[in-house]
Amino acid sequence: MNRYWIPRLDIHKKIITQELPYYLGPDATVRPYTNEGEDGFLITTPGPCLTDEQIDDICRKSKEMWERQAAIRAQEADKPLKRPLHQPVVISRGSDDSSRRRHEAHRSHERHRRYDDRRRD
């Protein structure tokens, strides 16, 4: 099996996943892959990789998909969102201030006690 990497630039994951078996056969696979810090796709196939024309076709279809998605979002812009975009979602909460103050006071007391013990020696 041959493995090829192509950059993610202008390629929608759904499109390349749909089109790859059409271009390279049913044994070809694609998955996200980072090569030297650049995001892209790792293609595994028994034959040659995609041609420039095939990649151009995937890029064109990707652009069409993004445009359709943008048009749908624009039509739905008037609908209120269930929650605003980028609203923080609490995963966990730290302790409240009173317990933090107790912890800091305990640590301060421990430091002073250790200092006093050293002075006695």
C-alpha atoms as a PDB file:
ATOM      1  CA  MET A   1       0.000   0.000   0.000  1.00  0.00           C
ATOM      2  CA  ASN A   2       1.204   3.476  -0.849  1.00  0.00           C
ATOM      3  CA  ARG A   3       0.758   6.375   1.548  1.00  0.00           C
ATOM      4  CA  TYR A   4       0.512   9.981   0.435  1.00  0.00           C
ATOM      5  CA  TRP A   5      -0.054  13.208   2.314  1.00  0.00           C
ATOM      6  CA  ILE A   6      -1.851  16.226   0.874  1.00  0.00           C
ATOM      7  CA  PRO A   7      -2.428  19.562   2.668  1.00  0.00           C
ATOM      8  CA  ARG A   8      -5.898  20.332   3.993  1.00  0.00           C
ATOM      9  CA  LEU A   9      -5.990  23.718   2.260  1.00  0.00           C
ATOM     10  CA  ASP A  10      -9.286  24.093   0.328  1.00  0.00           C
ATOM     11  CA  ILE A  11     -10.325  20.477   0.982  1.00  0.00           C
ATOM     12  CA  HIS A  12     -13.418  19.571   3.014  1.00  0.00           C
ATOM     13  CA  LYS A  13     -13.019  16.295   4.903  1.00  0.00           C
ATOM     14  CA  LYS A  14     -16.474  15.064   3.920  1.00  0.00           C
ATOM     15  CA  ILE A  15     -15.807  15.656   0.216  1.00  0.00           C
ATOM     16  CA  ILE A  16     -12.435  13.902   0.101  1.00  0.00           C
ATOM     17  CA  THR A  17     -13.895  10.991   2.074  1.00  0.00           C
ATOM     18  CA  GLN A  18     -16.775  10.668  -0.418  1.00  0.00           C
ATOM     19  CA  GLU A  19     -14.697  11.112  -3.570  1.00  0.00           C
ATOM     20  CA  LEU A  20     -11.622   9.038  -2.736  1.00  0.00           C
ATOM     21  CA  PRO A  21     -13.149   5.586  -3.434  1.00  0.00           C
ATOM     22  CA  TYR A  22     -14.489   6.934  -6.741  1.00  0.00           C
ATOM     23  CA  TYR A  23     -11.015   8.078  -7.826  1.00  0.00           C
ATOM     24  CA  LEU A  24      -8.742   5.479  -6.233  1.00  0.00           C
ATOM     25  CA  GLY A  25     -10.942   2.447  -5.658  1.00  0.00           C
ATOM     26  CA  PRO A  26     -12.644   0.838  -2.668  1.00  0.00           C
ATOM     27  CA  ASP A  27      -9.377  -0.066  -0.928  1.00  0.00           C
ATOM     28  CA  ALA A  28      -8.244   3.560  -0.689  1.00  0.00           C
ATOM     29  CA  THR A  29      -8.592   5.269   2.691  1.00  0.00           C
ATOM     30  CA  VAL A  30      -8.152   8.815   3.935  1.00  0.00           C
ATOM     31  CA  ARG A  31      -7.715  10.223   7.429  1.00  0.00           C
ATOM     32  CA  PRO A  32      -6.659  13.525   8.981  1.00  0.00           C
ATOM     33  CA  TYR A  33      -2.882  13.691   9.391  1.00  0.00           C
ATOM     34  CA  THR A  34      -0.362  16.350  10.390  1.00  0.00           C
ATOM     35  CA  ASN A  35       2.893  16.394   8.432  1.00  0.00           C
ATOM     36  CA  GLU A  36       5.692  18.620   9.753  1.00  0.00           C
ATOM     37  CA  GLY A  37       3.182  20.760  11.642  1.00  0.00           C
ATOM     38  CA  GLU A  38       0.782  21.214   8.721  1.00  0.00           C
ATOM     39  CA  ASP A  39      -2.693  19.696   8.811  1.00  0.00           C
ATOM     40  CA  GLY A  40      -3.744  17.590   5.889  1.00  0.00           C
ATOM     41  CA  PHE A  41      -4.878  14.133   4.859  1.00  0.00           C
ATOM     42  CA  LEU A  42      -3.052  10.833   4.719  1.00  0.00           C
ATOM     43  CA  ILE A  43      -4.190   8.771   1.752  1.00  0.00           C
ATOM     44  CA  THR A  44      -3.498   5.043   1.692  1.00  0.00           C
ATOM     45  CA  THR A  45      -4.045   3.306  -1.629  1.00  0.00           C
ATOM     46  CA  PRO A  46      -2.761   0.254  -3.505  1.00  0.00           C
ATOM     47  CA  GLY A  47      -2.195   2.400  -6.596  1.00  0.00           C
ATOM     48  CA  PRO A  48      -1.020   5.893  -7.455  1.00  0.00           C
ATOM     49  CA  CYS A  49      -2.180   8.971  -5.594  1.00  0.00           C
ATOM     50  CA  LEU A  50      -4.707  11.520  -6.792  1.00  0.00           C
ATOM     51  CA  THR A  51      -3.877  13.441  -9.942  1.00  0.00           C
ATOM     52  CA  ASP A  52      -3.797  17.240 -10.005  1.00  0.00           C
ATOM     53  CA  GLU A  53      -7.134  17.221 -11.848  1.00  0.00           C
ATOM     54  CA  GLN A  54      -8.732  15.008  -9.201  1.00  0.00           C
ATOM     55  CA  ILE A  55      -7.444  17.241  -6.402  1.00  0.00           C
ATOM     56  CA  ASP A  56      -8.761  20.303  -8.253  1.00  0.00           C
ATOM     57  CA  ASP A  57     -12.158  18.596  -8.545  1.00  0.00           C
ATOM     58  CA  ILE A  58     -12.183  17.825  -4.804  1.00  0.00           C
ATOM     59  CA  CYS A  59     -11.266  21.464  -4.048  1.00  0.00           C
ATOM     60  CA  ARG A  60     -14.048  22.727  -6.338  1.00  0.00           C
ATOM     61  CA  LYS A  61     -16.620  20.431  -4.712  1.00  0.00           C
ATOM     62  CA  SER A  62     -15.374  21.465  -1.264  1.00  0.00           C
ATOM     63  CA  LYS A  63     -15.830  25.134  -2.145  1.00  0.00           C
ATOM     64  CA  GLU A  64     -19.370  24.411  -3.360  1.00  0.00           C
ATOM     65  CA  MET A  65     -20.167  22.650  -0.085  1.00  0.00           C
ATOM     66  CA  TRP A  66     -18.832  25.556   2.004  1.00  0.00           C
ATOM     67  CA  GLU A  67     -20.882  27.993  -0.084  1.00  0.00           C
ATOM     68  CA  ARG A  68     -24.042  25.903   0.442  1.00  0.00           C
ATOM     69  CA  GLN A  69     -23.365  25.763   4.179  1.00  0.00           C
ATOM     70  CA  ALA A  70     -22.811  29.537   4.300  1.00  0.00           C
ATOM     71  CA  ALA A  71     -26.067  30.128   2.407  1.00  0.00           C
ATOM     72  CA  ILE A  72     -27.965  27.941   4.865  1.00  0.00           C
ATOM     73  CA  ARG A  73     -26.406  29.775   7.827  1.00  0.00           C
ATOM     74  CA  ALA A  74     -27.315  33.122   6.254  1.00  0.00           C
ATOM     75  CA  GLN A  75     -30.946  32.035   5.863  1.00  0.00           C
ATOM     76  CA  GLU A  76     -31.050  30.875   9.463  1.00  0.00           C
ATOM     77  CA  ALA A  77     -29.384  34.031  10.806  1.00  0.00           C
ATOM     78  CA  ASP A  78     -32.730  35.349  12.031  1.00  0.00           C
ATOM     79  CA  LYS A  79     -33.443  32.242  14.089  1.00  0.00           C
ATOM     80  CA  PRO A  80     -32.380  32.535  17.721  1.00  0.00           C
ATOM     81  CA  LEU A  81     -29.650  30.135  18.674  1.00  0.00           C
ATOM     82  CA  LYS A  82     -30.216  27.605  21.426  1.00  0.00           C
ATOM     83  CA  ARG A  83     -27.148  29.121  23.018  1.00  0.00           C
ATOM     84  CA  PRO A  84     -24.958  31.905  21.628  1.00  0.00           C
ATOM     85  CA  LEU A  85     -21.839  30.875  19.765  1.00  0.00           C
ATOM     86  CA  HIS A  86     -18.701  30.655  21.886  1.00  0.00           C
ATOM     87  CA  GLN A  87     -20.586  30.846  25.159  1.00  0.00           C
ATOM     88  CA  PRO A  88     -18.362  29.212  27.768  1.00  0.00           C
ATOM     89  CA  VAL A  89     -19.545  25.835  29.004  1.00  0.00           C
ATOM     90  CA  VAL A  90     -18.533  25.006  32.579  1.00  0.00           C
ATOM     91  CA  ILE A  91     -16.566  21.766  32.735  1.00  0.00           C
ATOM     92  CA  SER A  92     -15.631  22.018  36.411  1.00  0.00           C
ATOM     93  CA  ARG A  93     -15.511  24.658  39.102  1.00  0.00           C
ATOM     94  CA  GLY A  94     -12.762  25.372  41.577  1.00  0.00           C
ATOM     95  CA  SER A  95     -13.402  25.821  45.266  1.00  0.00           C
ATOM     96  CA  ASP A  96     -15.030  28.980  46.584  1.00  0.00           C
ATOM     97  CA  ASP A  97     -13.056  31.873  48.099  1.00  0.00           C
ATOM     98  CA  SER A  98     -13.558  30.851  51.734  1.00  0.00           C
ATOM     99  CA  SER A  99     -11.969  27.450  51.285  1.00  0.00           C
ATOM    100  CA  ARG A 100      -9.125  29.013  49.276  1.00  0.00           C
ATOM    101  CA  ARG A 101      -8.498  31.508  52.081  1.00  0.00           C
ATOM    102  CA  ARG A 102      -8.487  28.669  54.628  1.00  0.00           C
ATOM    103  CA  HIS A 103      -5.988  26.776  52.471  1.00  0.00           C
ATOM    104  CA  GLU A 104      -3.735  29.845  52.123  1.00  0.00           C
ATOM    105  CA  ALA A 105      -3.898  30.506  55.881  1.00  0.00           C
ATOM    106  CA  HIS A 106      -2.985  26.882  56.577  1.00  0.00           C
ATOM    107  CA  ARG A 107      -0.014  27.062  54.186  1.00  0.00           C
ATOM    108  CA  SER A 108       1.158  30.323  55.767  1.00  0.00           C
ATOM    109  CA  HIS A 109       0.923  28.783  59.239  1.00  0.00           C
ATOM    110  CA  GLU A 110       2.926  25.745  58.070  1.00  0.00           C
ATOM    111  CA  ARG A 111       5.690  27.963  56.634  1.00  0.00           C
ATOM    112  CA  HIS A 112       5.989  29.952  59.863  1.00  0.00           C
ATOM    113  CA  ARG A 113       6.044  26.788  61.951  1.00  0.00           C
ATOM    114  CA  ARG A 114       8.853  25.306  59.831  1.00  0.00           C
ATOM    115  CA  TYR A 115      10.801  28.579  60.146  1.00  0.00           C
ATOM    116  CA  ASP A 116      10.337  28.560  63.931  1.00  0.00           C
ATOM    117  CA  ASP A 117      11.498  24.925  64.123  1.00  0.00           C
ATOM    118  CA  ARG A 118      14.687  25.802  62.224  1.00  0.00           C
ATOM    119  CA  ARG A 119      15.410  28.734  64.546  1.00  0.00           C
ATOM    120  CA  ARG A 120      15.213  26.470  67.610  1.00  0.00           C
ATOM    121  CA  ASP A 121      17.860  24.081  66.266  1.00  0.00           C
END
